[in-house]
All heavy atoms as atom14 arrays in JSON, in Angstrom:
{
  "sequence": "EICTDVINIGNKVKLFDEEFNEEIEYVIVGSTEANPINGTISNESP",
  "atom14_mask": [
    [1, 1, 1, 1, 1, 1, 1, 1, 1, 0, 0, 0, 0, 0],
    [1, 1, 1, 1, 1, 1, 1, 1, 0, 0, 0, 0, 0, 0],
    [1, 1, 1, 1, 1, 1, 0, 0, 0, 0, 0, 0, 0, 0],
    [1, 1, 1, 1, 1, 1, 1, 0, 0, 0, 0, 0, 0, 0],
    [1, 1, 1, 1, 1, 1, 1, 1, 0, 0, 0, 0, 0, 0],
    [1, 1, 1, 1, 1, 1, 1, 0, 0, 0, 0, 0, 0, 0],
    [1, 1, 1, 1, 1, 1, 1, 1, 0, 0, 0, 0, 0, 0],
    [1, 1, 1, 1, 1, 1, 1, 1, 0, 0, 0, 0, 0, 0],
    [1, 1, 1, 1, 1, 1, 1, 1, 0, 0, 0, 0, 0, 0],
    [1, 1, 1, 1, 0, 0, 0, 0, 0, 0, 0, 0, 0, 0],
    [1, 1, 1, 1, 1, 1, 1, 1, 0, 0, 0, 0, 0, 0],
    [1, 1, 1, 1, 1, 1, 1, 1, 1, 0, 0, 0, 0, 0],
    [1, 1, 1, 1, 1, 1, 1, 0, 0, 0, 0, 0, 0, 0],
    [1, 1, 1, 1, 1, 1, 1, 1, 1, 0, 0, 0, 0, 0],
    [1, 1, 1, 1, 1, 1, 1, 1, 0, 0, 0, 0, 0, 0],
    [1, 1, 1, 1, 1, 1, 1, 1, 1, 1, 1, 0, 0, 0],
    [1, 1, 1, 1, 1, 1, 1, 1, 0, 0, 0, 0, 0, 0],
    [1, 1, 1, 1, 1, 1, 1, 1, 1, 0, 0, 0, 0, 0],
    [1, 1, 1, 1, 1, 1, 1, 1, 1, 0, 0, 0, 0, 0],
    [1, 1, 1, 1, 1, 1, 1, 1, 1, 1, 1, 0, 0, 0],
    [1, 1, 1, 1, 1, 1, 1, 1, 0, 0, 0, 0, 0, 0],
    [1, 1, 1, 1, 1, 1, 1, 1, 1, 0, 0, 0, 0, 0],
    [1, 1, 1, 1, 1, 1, 1, 1, 1, 0, 0, 0, 0, 0],
    [1, 1, 1, 1, 1, 1, 1, 1, 0, 0, 0, 0, 0, 0],
    [1, 1, 1, 1, 1, 1, 1, 1, 1, 0, 0, 0, 0, 0],
    [1, 1, 1, 1, 1, 1, 1, 1, 1, 1, 1, 1, 0, 0],
    [1, 1, 1, 1, 1, 1, 1, 0, 0, 0, 0, 0, 0, 0],
    [1, 1, 1, 1, 1, 1, 1, 1, 0, 0, 0, 0, 0, 0],
    [1, 1, 1, 1, 1, 1, 1, 0, 0, 0, 0, 0, 0, 0],
    [1, 1, 1, 1, 0, 0, 0, 0, 0, 0, 0, 0, 0, 0],
    [1, 1, 1, 1, 1, 1, 0, 0, 0, 0, 0, 0, 0, 0],
    [1, 1, 1, 1, 1, 1, 1, 0, 0, 0, 0, 0, 0, 0],
    [1, 1, 1, 1, 1, 1, 1, 1, 1, 0, 0, 0, 0, 0],
    [1, 1, 1, 1, 1, 0, 0, 0, 0, 0, 0, 0, 0, 0],
    [1, 1, 1, 1, 1, 1, 1, 1, 0, 0, 0, 0, 0, 0],
    [1, 1, 1, 1, 1, 1, 1, 0, 0, 0, 0, 0, 0, 0],
    [1, 1, 1, 1, 1, 1, 1, 1, 0, 0, 0, 0, 0, 0],
    [1, 1, 1, 1, 1, 1, 1, 1, 0, 0, 0, 0, 0, 0],
    [1, 1, 1, 1, 0, 0, 0, 0, 0, 0, 0, 0, 0, 0],
    [1, 1, 1, 1, 1, 1, 1, 0, 0, 0, 0, 0, 0, 0],
    [1, 1, 1, 1, 1, 1, 1, 1, 0, 0, 0, 0, 0, 0],
    [1, 1, 1, 1, 1, 1, 0, 0, 0, 0, 0, 0, 0, 0],
    [1, 1, 1, 1, 1, 1, 1, 1, 0, 0, 0, 0, 0, 0],
    [1, 1, 1, 1, 1, 1, 1, 1, 1, 0, 0, 0, 0, 0],
    [1, 1, 1, 1, 1, 1, 0, 0, 0, 0, 0, 0, 0, 0],
    [1, 1, 1, 1, 1, 1, 1, 0, 0, 0, 0, 0, 0, 0]
  ],
  "atom14_positions": [
    [[12.05, 1.76, 12.3], [12.77, 0.6, 11.83], [12.21, 0.05, 10.51], [12.72, -1.05, 10.1], [12.66, -0.48, 12.96], [13.33, -0.15, 14.21], [13.13, -1.13, 15.3], [12.7, -2.24, 15.06], [13.5, -0.85, 16.42], [0.0, 0.0, 0.0], [0.0, 0.0, 0.0], [0.0, 0.0, 0.0], [0.0, 0.0, 0.0], [0.0, 0.0, 0.0]],
    [[11.41, 0.78, 9.85], [10.82, 0.26, 8.65], [11.91, 0.39, 7.48], [12.49, 1.47, 7.33], [9.56, 1.1, 8.23], [8.41, 0.87, 9.2], [9.13, 0.78, 6.79], [7.24, 1.77, 9.0], [0.0, 0.0, 0.0], [0.0, 0.0, 0.0], [0.0, 0.0, 0.0], [0.0, 0.0, 0.0], [0.0, 0.0, 0.0], [0.0, 0.0, 0.0]],
    [[12.04, -0.67, 6.79], [13.08, -0.81, 5.77], [12.38, -0.36, 4.46], [11.21, -0.6, 4.26], [13.56, -2.28, 5.64], [14.54, -2.61, 4.27], [0.0, 0.0, 0.0], [0.0, 0.0, 0.0], [0.0, 0.0, 0.0], [0.0, 0.0, 0.0], [0.0, 0.0, 0.0], [0.0, 0.0, 0.0], [0.0, 0.0, 0.0], [0.0, 0.0, 0.0]],
    [[13.15, 0.24, 3.58], [12.61, 0.64, 2.24], [13.16, -0.12, 1.03], [13.02, 0.2, -0.06], [12.71, 2.13, 2.01], [14.18, 2.47, 2.12], [11.95, 2.9, 3.02], [0.0, 0.0, 0.0], [0.0, 0.0, 0.0], [0.0, 0.0, 0.0], [0.0, 0.0, 0.0], [0.0, 0.0, 0.0], [0.0, 0.0, 0.0], [0.0, 0.0, 0.0]],
    [[13.85, -1.24, 1.44], [14.46, -2.03, 0.35], [13.43, -2.99, -0.29], [13.34, -3.13, -1.53], [15.56, -3.0, 0.96], [16.72, -2.11, 1.42], [16.96, -1.06, 0.97], [17.52, -2.7, 2.25], [0.0, 0.0, 0.0], [0.0, 0.0, 0.0], [0.0, 0.0, 0.0], [0.0, 0.0, 0.0], [0.0, 0.0, 0.0], [0.0, 0.0, 0.0]],
    [[12.57, -3.5, 0.56], [11.47, -4.32, 0.15], [10.17, -3.89, 0.84], [10.25, -3.32, 1.91], [11.7, -5.89, 0.28], [12.81, -6.3, -0.57], [11.9, -6.21, 1.72], [0.0, 0.0, 0.0], [0.0, 0.0, 0.0], [0.0, 0.0, 0.0], [0.0, 0.0, 0.0], [0.0, 0.0, 0.0], [0.0, 0.0, 0.0], [0.0, 0.0, 0.0]],
    [[9.04, -4.18, 0.27], [7.75, -3.7, 0.84], [7.39, -4.63, 2.11], [7.48, -5.83, 2.05], [6.63, -3.8, -0.17], [6.92, -2.87, -1.34], [5.24, -3.47, 0.52], [6.06, -2.94, -2.54], [0.0, 0.0, 0.0], [0.0, 0.0, 0.0], [0.0, 0.0, 0.0], [0.0, 0.0, 0.0], [0.0, 0.0, 0.0], [0.0, 0.0, 0.0]],
    [[7.04, -3.93, 3.16], [6.51, -4.55, 4.43], [5.45, -3.69, 4.94], [5.15, -2.62, 4.45], [7.7, -4.68, 5.37], [7.42, -5.96, 6.22], [6.29, -6.24, 6.61], [8.5, -6.6, 6.67], [0.0, 0.0, 0.0], [0.0, 0.0, 0.0], [0.0, 0.0, 0.0], [0.0, 0.0, 0.0], [0.0, 0.0, 0.0], [0.0, 0.0, 0.0]],
    [[4.85, -4.15, 6.08], [3.87, -3.43, 6.71], [4.46, -2.06, 7.18], [5.53, -2.01, 7.72], [3.26, -4.13, 7.89], [2.59, -5.37, 7.42], [2.3, -3.29, 8.65], [2.18, -6.31, 8.49], [0.0, 0.0, 0.0], [0.0, 0.0, 0.0], [0.0, 0.0, 0.0], [0.0, 0.0, 0.0], [0.0, 0.0, 0.0], [0.0, 0.0, 0.0]],
    [[3.76, -1.01, 6.94], [4.24, 0.42, 7.35], [4.8, 1.09, 6.26], [5.0, 2.31, 6.34], [0.0, 0.0, 0.0], [0.0, 0.0, 0.0], [0.0, 0.0, 0.0], [0.0, 0.0, 0.0], [0.0, 0.0, 0.0], [0.0, 0.0, 0.0], [0.0, 0.0, 0.0], [0.0, 0.0, 0.0], [0.0, 0.0, 0.0], [0.0, 0.0, 0.0]],
    [[5.09, 0.47, 5.09], [5.7, 1.21, 3.85], [4.6, 1.97, 3.13], [3.45, 1.53, 3.04], [6.38, 0.27, 2.9], [7.61, -0.21, 3.45], [7.91, -1.47, 3.53], [8.6, 0.66, 3.7], [0.0, 0.0, 0.0], [0.0, 0.0, 0.0], [0.0, 0.0, 0.0], [0.0, 0.0, 0.0], [0.0, 0.0, 0.0], [0.0, 0.0, 0.0]],
    [[4.97, 3.12, 2.62], [4.14, 3.87, 1.62], [4.79, 3.36, 0.28], [5.9, 3.36, 0.11], [4.38, 5.29, 1.73], [3.58, 6.16, 0.7], [3.85, 7.59, 0.88], [2.57, 8.29, 1.52], [2.73, 9.66, 1.62], [0.0, 0.0, 0.0], [0.0, 0.0, 0.0], [0.0, 0.0, 0.0], [0.0, 0.0, 0.0], [0.0, 0.0, 0.0]],
    [[3.8, 3.01, -0.69], [4.2, 2.37, -1.89], [3.58, 3.22, -3.04], [2.4, 3.44, -3.05], [3.82, 0.92, -1.97], [4.26, 0.28, -3.31], [4.28, 0.11, -0.79], [0.0, 0.0, 0.0], [0.0, 0.0, 0.0], [0.0, 0.0, 0.0], [0.0, 0.0, 0.0], [0.0, 0.0, 0.0], [0.0, 0.0, 0.0], [0.0, 0.0, 0.0]],
    [[4.41, 3.57, -4.04], [3.91, 4.2, -5.25], [3.93, 3.13, -6.34], [4.95, 2.56, -6.54], [4.7, 5.39, -5.68], [4.08, 6.19, -6.8], [4.96, 7.26, -7.33], [4.72, 8.47, -6.37], [5.39, 9.68, -6.88], [0.0, 0.0, 0.0], [0.0, 0.0, 0.0], [0.0, 0.0, 0.0], [0.0, 0.0, 0.0], [0.0, 0.0, 0.0]],
    [[2.78, 2.93, -6.96], [2.63, 1.94, -8.03], [2.22, 2.54, -9.33], [1.54, 3.58, -9.36], [1.59, 0.87, -7.6], [1.79, 0.23, -6.28], [0.49, -0.7, -5.95], [3.01, -0.69, -6.27], [0.0, 0.0, 0.0], [0.0, 0.0, 0.0], [0.0, 0.0, 0.0], [0.0, 0.0, 0.0], [0.0, 0.0, 0.0], [0.0, 0.0, 0.0]],
    [[2.4, 1.8, -10.41], [1.93, 2.19, -11.72], [0.91, 1.23, -12.05], [1.2, -0.01, -12.18], [3.0, 2.31, -12.77], [2.43, 2.65, -14.13], [2.08, 4.01, -14.32], [2.27, 1.74, -15.13], [1.57, 4.39, -15.6], [1.72, 2.07, -16.34], [1.38, 3.39, -16.57], [0.0, 0.0, 0.0], [0.0, 0.0, 0.0], [0.0, 0.0, 0.0]],
    [[-0.42, 1.62, -12.22], [-1.52, 0.72, -12.54], [-1.52, 0.62, -14.05], [-1.86, 1.59, -14.7], [-2.77, 1.33, -12.02], [-4.03, 0.46, -12.24], [-4.03, -0.36, -13.27], [-4.93, 0.44, -11.48], [0.0, 0.0, 0.0], [0.0, 0.0, 0.0], [0.0, 0.0, 0.0], [0.0, 0.0, 0.0], [0.0, 0.0, 0.0], [0.0, 0.0, 0.0]],
    [[-1.25, -0.54, -14.59], [-1.05, -0.76, -15.98], [-2.38, -0.67, -16.71], [-2.42, -0.22, -17.82], [-0.3, -2.06, -16.3], [1.03, -2.03, -15.83], [1.83, -3.34, -16.11], [1.26, -4.26, -16.78], [3.03, -3.47, -15.69], [0.0, 0.0, 0.0], [0.0, 0.0, 0.0], [0.0, 0.0, 0.0], [0.0, 0.0, 0.0], [0.0, 0.0, 0.0]],
    [[-3.43, -1.11, -16.02], [-4.74, -1.11, -16.68], [-5.33, 0.29, -16.93], [-5.81, 0.62, -17.95], [-5.82, -1.88, -15.84], [-7.14, -1.96, -16.45], [-8.16, -2.68, -15.58], [-7.76, -3.34, -14.58], [-9.35, -2.66, -15.97], [0.0, 0.0, 0.0], [0.0, 0.0, 0.0], [0.0, 0.0, 0.0], [0.0, 0.0, 0.0], [0.0, 0.0, 0.0]],
    [[-5.12, 1.15, -15.93], [-5.64, 2.55, -15.94], [-4.56, 3.53, -16.37], [-4.87, 4.72, -16.36], [-6.4, 2.87, -14.62], [-7.51, 2.13, -14.4], [-7.59, 1.11, -13.46], [-8.74, 2.41, -15.1], [-8.7, 0.33, -13.26], [-9.88, 1.69, -14.88], [-9.86, 0.6, -14.01], [0.0, 0.0, 0.0], [0.0, 0.0, 0.0], [0.0, 0.0, 0.0]],
    [[-3.37, 3.08, -16.5], [-2.24, 3.93, -16.97], [-2.02, 5.14, -16.03], [-2.03, 6.3, -16.48], [-2.49, 4.39, -18.39], [-1.1, 4.85, -19.01], [-0.09, 4.42, -18.7], [-1.3, 5.84, -19.92], [0.0, 0.0, 0.0], [0.0, 0.0, 0.0], [0.0, 0.0, 0.0], [0.0, 0.0, 0.0], [0.0, 0.0, 0.0], [0.0, 0.0, 0.0]],
    [[-2.01, 4.81, -14.7], [-1.87, 5.94, -13.67], [-1.13, 5.48, -12.55], [-0.92, 4.28, -12.31], [-3.3, 6.41, -13.22], [-4.06, 5.32, -12.43], [-5.49, 5.86, -11.94], [-5.94, 6.93, -12.4], [-6.11, 5.04, -11.31], [0.0, 0.0, 0.0], [0.0, 0.0, 0.0], [0.0, 0.0, 0.0], [0.0, 0.0, 0.0], [0.0, 0.0, 0.0]],
    [[-0.56, 6.44, -11.8], [0.11, 6.15, -10.59], [-0.77, 6.29, -9.38], [-1.69, 7.1, -9.35], [1.3, 7.12, -10.37], [2.41, 7.08, -11.37], [3.57, 8.0, -11.14], [3.51, 8.74, -10.08], [4.43, 8.0, -12.0], [0.0, 0.0, 0.0], [0.0, 0.0, 0.0], [0.0, 0.0, 0.0], [0.0, 0.0, 0.0], [0.0, 0.0, 0.0]],
    [[-0.59, 5.28, -8.46], [-1.37, 5.27, -7.26], [-0.5, 5.05, -6.03], [0.62, 4.48, -6.23], [-2.49, 4.13, -7.28], [-1.85, 2.86, -7.62], [-3.58, 4.51, -8.27], [-2.81, 1.67, -7.59], [0.0, 0.0, 0.0], [0.0, 0.0, 0.0], [0.0, 0.0, 0.0], [0.0, 0.0, 0.0], [0.0, 0.0, 0.0], [0.0, 0.0, 0.0]],
    [[-0.85, 5.55, -4.95], [-0.11, 5.33, -3.66], [-0.93, 4.68, -2.58], [-2.1, 4.91, -2.49], [0.36, 6.65, -3.09], [1.51, 7.19, -3.86], [2.05, 8.47, -3.15], [1.57, 8.93, -2.08], [3.12, 8.99, -3.63], [0.0, 0.0, 0.0], [0.0, 0.0, 0.0], [0.0, 0.0, 0.0], [0.0, 0.0, 0.0], [0.0, 0.0, 0.0]],
    [[-0.3, 3.73, -1.86], [-0.93, 3.0, -0.78], [0.05, 3.02, 0.42], [1.27, 3.01, 0.16], [-1.26, 1.58, -1.12], [-2.37, 1.45, -2.07], [-2.12, 0.81, -3.35], [-3.62, 1.81, -1.83], [-3.09, 0.62, -4.3], [-4.66, 1.69, -2.81], [-4.39, 1.07, -4.04], [-5.4, 0.84, -4.96], [0.0, 0.0, 0.0], [0.0, 0.0, 0.0]],
    [[-0.54, 2.9, 1.57], [0.27, 2.6, 2.78], [-0.19, 1.18, 3.19], [-1.42, 0.96, 3.28], [0.09, 3.6, 3.88], [0.83, 3.23, 5.15], [0.48, 5.06, 3.46], [0.0, 0.0, 0.0], [0.0, 0.0, 0.0], [0.0, 0.0, 0.0], [0.0, 0.0, 0.0], [0.0, 0.0, 0.0], [0.0, 0.0, 0.0], [0.0, 0.0, 0.0]],
    [[0.8, 0.35, 3.45], [0.49, -1.11, 3.78], [0.36, -1.12, 5.33], [1.25, -0.66, 6.06], [1.54, -2.05, 3.37], [1.96, -1.91, 1.91], [1.14, -3.5, 3.65], [0.88, -2.14, 0.91], [0.0, 0.0, 0.0], [0.0, 0.0, 0.0], [0.0, 0.0, 0.0], [0.0, 0.0, 0.0], [0.0, 0.0, 0.0], [0.0, 0.0, 0.0]],
    [[-0.81, -1.49, 5.85], [-1.15, -1.53, 7.32], [-1.71, -2.89, 7.65], [-2.0, -3.68, 6.74], [-2.06, -0.35, 7.73], [-1.42, 0.95, 7.5], [-3.4, -0.49, 6.96], [0.0, 0.0, 0.0], [0.0, 0.0, 0.0], [0.0, 0.0, 0.0], [0.0, 0.0, 0.0], [0.0, 0.0, 0.0], [0.0, 0.0, 0.0], [0.0, 0.0, 0.0]],
    [[-1.83, -3.11, 8.91], [-2.58, -4.32, 9.34], [-4.06, -4.16, 9.01], [-4.5, -3.07, 8.73], [0.0, 0.0, 0.0], [0.0, 0.0, 0.0], [0.0, 0.0, 0.0], [0.0, 0.0, 0.0], [0.0, 0.0, 0.0], [0.0, 0.0, 0.0], [0.0, 0.0, 0.0], [0.0, 0.0, 0.0], [0.0, 0.0, 0.0], [0.0, 0.0, 0.0]],
    [[-4.74, -5.28, 9.06], [-6.14, -5.23, 8.66], [-7.0, -4.36, 9.54], [-8.04, -3.8, 9.04], [-6.75, -6.71, 8.69], [-6.64, -7.28, 9.89], [0.0, 0.0, 0.0], [0.0, 0.0, 0.0], [0.0, 0.0, 0.0], [0.0, 0.0, 0.0], [0.0, 0.0, 0.0], [0.0, 0.0, 0.0], [0.0, 0.0, 0.0], [0.0, 0.0, 0.0]],
    [[-6.65, -4.13, 10.76], [-7.48, -3.33, 11.6], [-7.52, -1.81, 11.19], [-8.5, -1.13, 11.38], [-6.9, -3.41, 13.08], [-6.89, -4.71, 13.5], [-7.74, -2.57, 14.11], [0.0, 0.0, 0.0], [0.0, 0.0, 0.0], [0.0, 0.0, 0.0], [0.0, 0.0, 0.0], [0.0, 0.0, 0.0], [0.0, 0.0, 0.0], [0.0, 0.0, 0.0]],
    [[-6.39, -1.34, 10.59], [-6.27, 0.05, 10.15], [-6.67, 0.22, 8.74], [-6.73, 1.37, 8.26], [-4.89, 0.51, 10.41], [-4.39, 0.67, 11.78], [-3.03, 1.16, 11.97], [-2.88, 2.39, 11.83], [-2.12, 0.41, 12.13], [0.0, 0.0, 0.0], [0.0, 0.0, 0.0], [0.0, 0.0, 0.0], [0.0, 0.0, 0.0], [0.0, 0.0, 0.0]],
    [[-6.86, -0.8, 7.97], [-7.07, -0.66, 6.57], [-8.28, 0.16, 6.18], [-9.36, 0.01, 6.86], [-7.18, -2.04, 5.87], [0.0, 0.0, 0.0], [0.0, 0.0, 0.0], [0.0, 0.0, 0.0], [0.0, 0.0, 0.0], [0.0, 0.0, 0.0], [0.0, 0.0, 0.0], [0.0, 0.0, 0.0], [0.0, 0.0, 0.0], [0.0, 0.0, 0.0]],
    [[-8.12, 1.06, 5.22], [-9.21, 1.89, 4.72], [-8.85, 2.33, 3.33], [-8.29, 3.38, 3.17], [-9.48, 3.13, 5.6], [-10.66, 3.92, 5.2], [-11.11, 3.79, 4.07], [-11.13, 4.76, 6.1], [0.0, 0.0, 0.0], [0.0, 0.0, 0.0], [0.0, 0.0, 0.0], [0.0, 0.0, 0.0], [0.0, 0.0, 0.0], [0.0, 0.0, 0.0]],
    [[-9.14, 1.48, 2.29], [-8.74, 1.79, 0.93], [-9.08, 3.17, 0.45], [-8.36, 3.8, -0.34], [-9.34, 0.67, 0.2], [-9.58, -0.42, 1.17], [-9.81, 0.25, 2.45], [0.0, 0.0, 0.0], [0.0, 0.0, 0.0], [0.0, 0.0, 0.0], [0.0, 0.0, 0.0], [0.0, 0.0, 0.0], [0.0, 0.0, 0.0], [0.0, 0.0, 0.0]],
    [[-10.27, 3.63, 0.89], [-10.73, 4.96, 0.42], [-9.73, 6.06, 0.85], [-9.41, 7.06, 0.17], [-12.16, 5.29, 0.99], [-13.18, 4.32, 0.3], [-12.48, 6.72, 0.77], [-14.5, 4.43, 0.94], [0.0, 0.0, 0.0], [0.0, 0.0, 0.0], [0.0, 0.0, 0.0], [0.0, 0.0, 0.0], [0.0, 0.0, 0.0], [0.0, 0.0, 0.0]],
    [[-9.05, 5.86, 2.02], [-8.03, 6.8, 2.54], [-6.64, 6.33, 2.18], [-5.59, 6.9, 2.65], [-8.16, 6.93, 4.04], [-9.47, 7.62, 4.39], [-9.96, 8.39, 3.66], [-9.92, 7.31, 5.62], [0.0, 0.0, 0.0], [0.0, 0.0, 0.0], [0.0, 0.0, 0.0], [0.0, 0.0, 0.0], [0.0, 0.0, 0.0], [0.0, 0.0, 0.0]],
    [[-6.46, 5.35, 1.29], [-5.13, 4.98, 0.8], [-4.39, 4.05, 1.66], [-3.23, 3.85, 1.49], [0.0, 0.0, 0.0], [0.0, 0.0, 0.0], [0.0, 0.0, 0.0], [0.0, 0.0, 0.0], [0.0, 0.0, 0.0], [0.0, 0.0, 0.0], [0.0, 0.0, 0.0], [0.0, 0.0, 0.0], [0.0, 0.0, 0.0], [0.0, 0.0, 0.0]],
    [[-5.03, 3.45, 2.61], [-4.33, 2.4, 3.49], [-4.94, 0.97, 3.13], [-6.23, 0.86, 3.11], [-4.52, 2.68, 4.97], [-5.93, 2.75, 5.34], [-3.81, 3.9, 5.4], [0.0, 0.0, 0.0], [0.0, 0.0, 0.0], [0.0, 0.0, 0.0], [0.0, 0.0, 0.0], [0.0, 0.0, 0.0], [0.0, 0.0, 0.0], [0.0, 0.0, 0.0]],
    [[-4.1, 0.07, 2.82], [-4.52, -1.22, 2.43], [-3.96, -2.31, 3.4], [-2.86, -2.12, 3.87], [-4.31, -1.58, 0.99], [-2.88, -1.52, 0.68], [-5.08, -0.75, -0.02], [-2.44, -2.12, -0.73], [0.0, 0.0, 0.0], [0.0, 0.0, 0.0], [0.0, 0.0, 0.0], [0.0, 0.0, 0.0], [0.0, 0.0, 0.0], [0.0, 0.0, 0.0]],
    [[-4.69, -3.3, 3.65], [-4.27, -4.36, 4.58], [-3.2, -5.28, 3.89], [-3.23, -5.55, 2.73], [-5.5, -5.28, 4.82], [-5.1, -6.46, 5.52], [0.0, 0.0, 0.0], [0.0, 0.0, 0.0], [0.0, 0.0, 0.0], [0.0, 0.0, 0.0], [0.0, 0.0, 0.0], [0.0, 0.0, 0.0], [0.0, 0.0, 0.0], [0.0, 0.0, 0.0]],
    [[-2.31, -5.71, 4.76], [-1.27, -6.71, 4.35], [-1.89, -8.05, 4.01], [-1.32, -8.84, 3.35], [-0.27, -6.89, 5.48], [-0.88, -7.41, 6.74], [-1.91, -6.97, 7.25], [-0.21, -8.42, 7.31], [0.0, 0.0, 0.0], [0.0, 0.0, 0.0], [0.0, 0.0, 0.0], [0.0, 0.0, 0.0], [0.0, 0.0, 0.0], [0.0, 0.0, 0.0]],
    [[-3.18, -8.18, 4.35], [-3.92, -9.46, 4.09], [-4.78, -9.36, 2.84], [-5.35, -10.36, 2.38], [-4.78, -9.85, 5.27], [-3.92, -10.09, 6.54], [-4.84, -10.28, 7.77], [-6.04, -10.43, 7.59], [-4.25, -10.38, 8.87], [0.0, 0.0, 0.0], [0.0, 0.0, 0.0], [0.0, 0.0, 0.0], [0.0, 0.0, 0.0], [0.0, 0.0, 0.0]],
    [[-4.9, -8.14, 2.26], [-5.73, -7.96, 1.09], [-4.93, -8.58, -0.12], [-3.76, -8.77, -0.06], [-5.97, -6.49, 0.78], [-4.69, -5.84, 0.35], [0.0, 0.0, 0.0], [0.0, 0.0, 0.0], [0.0, 0.0, 0.0], [0.0, 0.0, 0.0], [0.0, 0.0, 0.0], [0.0, 0.0, 0.0], [0.0, 0.0, 0.0], [0.0, 0.0, 0.0]],
    [[-5.63, -8.91, -1.25], [-4.91, -9.49, -2.47], [-3.76, -8.59, -2.89], [-2.68, -9.14, -3.16], [-6.04, -9.48, -3.44], [-7.29, -9.65, -2.72], [-7.08, -8.83, -1.46], [0.0, 0.0, 0.0], [0.0, 0.0, 0.0], [0.0, 0.0, 0.0], [0.0, 0.0, 0.0], [0.0, 0.0, 0.0], [0.0, 0.0, 0.0], [0.0, 0.0, 0.0]]
  ]
}
């Protein structure tokens, strides 16, 4: 049931980091599952 029109928990997101001029990918998860080293970030993180 995850929508891909706008970002929500469960989405995989590809971003362009303007400071480092590179593409990065994250999966938005709840804080319990977050592990930035493995590419999962919390919906509560900045």
